[in-house]
N, C-alpha and C. Protein backbone atom coordinates (compact mmCIF):
# COMPACT_ATOMS: atom_id res chain seq x y z
N MET A 1 65.97 88.54 117.24
CA MET A 1 66.28 87.44 118.13
C MET A 1 66.90 88.00 119.41
N ASN A 2 66.49 87.49 120.51
CA ASN A 2 67.00 87.93 121.80
C ASN A 2 68.32 87.23 122.10
N ASN A 3 69.32 88.02 122.47
CA ASN A 3 70.64 87.45 122.77
C ASN A 3 70.58 86.45 123.90
N LYS A 4 69.68 86.64 124.84
CA LYS A 4 69.59 85.74 125.99
C LYS A 4 69.10 84.35 125.58
N SER A 5 68.46 84.26 124.41
CA SER A 5 67.95 82.97 123.96
C SER A 5 69.02 82.15 123.24
N LEU A 6 70.16 82.77 122.96
CA LEU A 6 71.23 82.04 122.28
C LEU A 6 71.97 81.14 123.26
N PRO A 7 72.31 79.95 122.83
CA PRO A 7 73.14 79.08 123.67
C PRO A 7 74.52 79.71 123.85
N GLN A 8 75.12 79.47 124.99
CA GLN A 8 76.42 80.06 125.30
C GLN A 8 77.48 79.70 124.26
N ASN A 9 77.44 78.47 123.74
CA ASN A 9 78.44 78.09 122.74
C ASN A 9 78.28 78.90 121.45
N LYS A 10 77.05 79.28 121.10
CA LYS A 10 76.82 80.11 119.91
C LYS A 10 77.34 81.52 120.14
N ILE A 11 77.12 82.07 121.32
CA ILE A 11 77.64 83.40 121.65
C ILE A 11 79.17 83.38 121.61
N GLN A 12 79.77 82.31 122.11
CA GLN A 12 81.23 82.18 122.08
C GLN A 12 81.75 82.11 120.64
N GLU A 13 81.02 81.43 119.79
CA GLU A 13 81.39 81.33 118.37
C GLU A 13 81.35 82.71 117.71
N ILE A 14 80.29 83.45 117.99
CA ILE A 14 80.15 84.80 117.42
C ILE A 14 81.23 85.71 118.00
N ARG A 15 81.53 85.56 119.29
CA ARG A 15 82.59 86.34 119.92
C ARG A 15 83.93 86.05 119.26
N ALA A 16 84.19 84.80 118.92
CA ALA A 16 85.45 84.44 118.25
C ALA A 16 85.55 85.14 116.89
N ASN A 17 84.44 85.20 116.17
CA ASN A 17 84.41 85.92 114.89
C ASN A 17 84.68 87.40 115.10
N PHE A 18 84.04 87.97 116.09
CA PHE A 18 84.24 89.39 116.42
C PHE A 18 85.71 89.64 116.75
N ASP A 19 86.26 88.84 117.62
CA ASP A 19 87.65 89.01 118.06
C ASP A 19 88.63 88.86 116.90
N PHE A 20 88.32 87.98 115.97
CA PHE A 20 89.18 87.77 114.80
C PHE A 20 89.32 89.07 114.00
N PHE A 21 88.22 89.79 113.84
CA PHE A 21 88.24 91.02 113.05
C PHE A 21 88.63 92.25 113.86
N ASP A 22 88.56 92.16 115.16
CA ASP A 22 89.02 93.25 116.03
C ASP A 22 90.55 93.13 116.16
N THR A 23 91.23 93.47 115.09
CA THR A 23 92.67 93.20 115.00
C THR A 23 93.51 94.04 115.95
N ASP A 24 93.01 95.19 116.38
CA ASP A 24 93.78 95.98 117.35
C ASP A 24 93.38 95.67 118.79
N ASN A 25 92.47 94.71 118.95
CA ASN A 25 92.05 94.22 120.28
C ASN A 25 91.57 95.31 121.22
N ASN A 26 90.84 96.29 120.67
CA ASN A 26 90.32 97.36 121.52
C ASN A 26 88.87 97.14 121.93
N GLY A 27 88.30 95.99 121.56
CA GLY A 27 86.93 95.67 121.94
C GLY A 27 85.87 96.21 121.00
N CYS A 28 86.32 96.81 119.90
CA CYS A 28 85.39 97.36 118.91
C CYS A 28 85.95 97.11 117.51
N ILE A 29 85.06 97.10 116.55
CA ILE A 29 85.45 96.98 115.16
C ILE A 29 85.27 98.34 114.52
N ASP A 30 86.37 98.88 113.98
CA ASP A 30 86.29 100.17 113.31
C ASP A 30 86.00 99.96 111.83
N LEU A 31 85.89 101.03 111.09
CA LEU A 31 85.52 100.93 109.67
C LEU A 31 86.53 100.10 108.88
N GLU A 32 87.81 100.28 109.13
CA GLU A 32 88.84 99.53 108.40
C GLU A 32 88.72 98.03 108.69
N GLU A 33 88.50 97.67 109.95
CA GLU A 33 88.34 96.26 110.31
C GLU A 33 87.06 95.69 109.70
N PHE A 34 86.00 96.49 109.71
CA PHE A 34 84.74 96.05 109.13
C PHE A 34 84.88 95.83 107.62
N ALA A 35 85.66 96.69 106.97
CA ALA A 35 85.87 96.54 105.53
C ALA A 35 86.50 95.19 105.23
N LYS A 36 87.45 94.76 106.04
CA LYS A 36 88.09 93.46 105.84
C LYS A 36 87.09 92.33 106.05
N LEU A 37 86.25 92.47 107.05
CA LEU A 37 85.21 91.47 107.32
C LEU A 37 84.25 91.38 106.15
N LEU A 38 83.77 92.52 105.70
CA LEU A 38 82.77 92.52 104.64
C LEU A 38 83.34 92.03 103.31
N LYS A 39 84.61 92.28 103.07
CA LYS A 39 85.23 91.81 101.83
C LYS A 39 85.29 90.28 101.79
N ILE A 40 85.30 89.65 102.94
CA ILE A 40 85.25 88.19 103.00
C ILE A 40 83.83 87.70 102.71
N ILE A 41 82.86 88.36 103.32
CA ILE A 41 81.46 87.98 103.13
C ILE A 41 80.98 88.32 101.73
N GLU A 42 81.35 89.52 101.27
CA GLU A 42 80.92 90.01 99.96
C GLU A 42 82.10 90.67 99.25
N PRO A 43 82.90 89.86 98.54
CA PRO A 43 84.12 90.39 97.92
C PRO A 43 83.91 91.57 96.98
N LYS A 44 82.73 91.68 96.40
CA LYS A 44 82.47 92.76 95.44
C LYS A 44 81.89 94.01 96.10
N ALA A 45 81.83 94.04 97.42
CA ALA A 45 81.26 95.20 98.11
C ALA A 45 82.08 96.45 97.79
N SER A 46 81.37 97.50 97.47
CA SER A 46 82.04 98.77 97.18
C SER A 46 82.34 99.51 98.49
N LYS A 47 83.19 100.51 98.38
CA LYS A 47 83.51 101.33 99.56
C LYS A 47 82.23 101.94 100.13
N LYS A 48 81.34 102.39 99.27
CA LYS A 48 80.08 103.00 99.71
C LYS A 48 79.21 101.97 100.43
N GLU A 49 79.13 100.75 99.91
CA GLU A 49 78.35 99.69 100.56
C GLU A 49 78.93 99.35 101.93
N ILE A 50 80.24 99.33 102.01
CA ILE A 50 80.90 99.06 103.29
C ILE A 50 80.54 100.15 104.29
N GLU A 51 80.61 101.40 103.88
CA GLU A 51 80.29 102.52 104.77
C GLU A 51 78.83 102.47 105.20
N ILE A 52 77.94 102.18 104.28
CA ILE A 52 76.50 102.09 104.61
C ILE A 52 76.27 100.96 105.62
N GLY A 53 76.85 99.79 105.35
CA GLY A 53 76.70 98.66 106.27
C GLY A 53 77.24 98.98 107.65
N PHE A 54 78.41 99.58 107.69
CA PHE A 54 79.02 99.95 108.96
C PHE A 54 78.10 100.88 109.75
N ASN A 55 77.58 101.90 109.07
CA ASN A 55 76.71 102.87 109.74
C ASN A 55 75.40 102.26 110.21
N LEU A 56 74.89 101.28 109.48
CA LEU A 56 73.67 100.60 109.92
C LEU A 56 73.91 99.79 111.19
N ILE A 57 75.05 99.14 111.28
CA ILE A 57 75.37 98.30 112.43
C ILE A 57 75.74 99.14 113.64
N ASP A 58 76.43 100.24 113.42
CA ASP A 58 76.87 101.14 114.49
C ASP A 58 75.67 101.94 115.00
N SER A 59 74.80 101.28 115.75
CA SER A 59 73.52 101.88 116.14
C SER A 59 73.65 103.06 117.09
N ASP A 60 74.75 103.15 117.83
CA ASP A 60 74.92 104.30 118.73
C ASP A 60 75.78 105.40 118.10
N ASN A 61 76.14 105.21 116.84
CA ASN A 61 76.87 106.23 116.07
C ASN A 61 78.15 106.72 116.73
N ASP A 62 78.91 105.79 117.30
CA ASP A 62 80.18 106.18 117.94
C ASP A 62 81.38 105.81 117.07
N ASP A 63 81.14 105.55 115.79
CA ASP A 63 82.19 105.20 114.82
C ASP A 63 82.92 103.91 115.14
N SER A 64 82.23 103.02 115.83
CA SER A 64 82.77 101.68 116.08
C SER A 64 81.62 100.73 116.32
N ILE A 65 81.89 99.45 116.07
CA ILE A 65 80.90 98.41 116.30
C ILE A 65 81.35 97.63 117.52
N ASP A 66 80.56 97.71 118.59
CA ASP A 66 80.89 96.94 119.79
C ASP A 66 80.30 95.54 119.66
N PHE A 67 80.60 94.69 120.62
CA PHE A 67 80.16 93.31 120.49
C PHE A 67 78.64 93.18 120.45
N ASP A 68 77.92 93.95 121.24
CA ASP A 68 76.45 93.85 121.22
C ASP A 68 75.89 94.22 119.85
N GLU A 69 76.43 95.27 119.24
CA GLU A 69 75.97 95.66 117.91
C GLU A 69 76.31 94.55 116.90
N PHE A 70 77.51 94.00 117.02
CA PHE A 70 77.94 92.92 116.13
C PHE A 70 77.05 91.69 116.30
N LEU A 71 76.76 91.35 117.54
CA LEU A 71 75.93 90.19 117.84
C LEU A 71 74.54 90.37 117.26
N ASN A 72 73.95 91.53 117.40
CA ASN A 72 72.63 91.78 116.83
C ASN A 72 72.67 91.65 115.31
N TRP A 73 73.69 92.20 114.69
CA TRP A 73 73.84 92.12 113.24
C TRP A 73 74.05 90.67 112.79
N TRP A 74 74.92 89.97 113.46
CA TRP A 74 75.26 88.60 113.09
C TRP A 74 74.03 87.69 113.15
N GLN A 75 73.15 87.95 114.10
CA GLN A 75 71.96 87.12 114.25
C GLN A 75 70.88 87.43 113.22
N THR A 76 70.94 88.61 112.63
CA THR A 76 69.79 89.02 111.83
C THR A 76 70.09 89.20 110.36
N VAL A 77 71.06 90.03 109.99
CA VAL A 77 71.13 90.44 108.59
C VAL A 77 72.51 90.36 107.94
N TRP A 78 73.48 89.71 108.53
CA TRP A 78 74.82 89.73 107.94
C TRP A 78 74.84 89.16 106.53
N TRP A 79 73.99 88.25 106.22
CA TRP A 79 74.00 87.61 104.90
C TRP A 79 73.43 88.49 103.81
N GLN A 80 72.88 89.66 104.17
CA GLN A 80 72.28 90.52 103.16
C GLN A 80 73.30 91.36 102.40
N PHE A 81 74.56 91.26 102.74
CA PHE A 81 75.58 92.05 102.05
C PHE A 81 76.10 91.30 100.84
């Protein structure tokens, strides 16, 4: 799904979710923050599953999930965990 096709209110909703889990407010979600997010979506997720999910979303491999990566994930596959 193209981000430009999303209504602004939907992008704002996704941004609010991102900001909620970006607890240190640095504009990125690190592995620890992602683990908290994934435990809400999938309480039985193992540490290995969390690491795999994080690495799949972190498409530029900089050890953090920025908003664009989060937005792409949220639109496509977040429910698969």
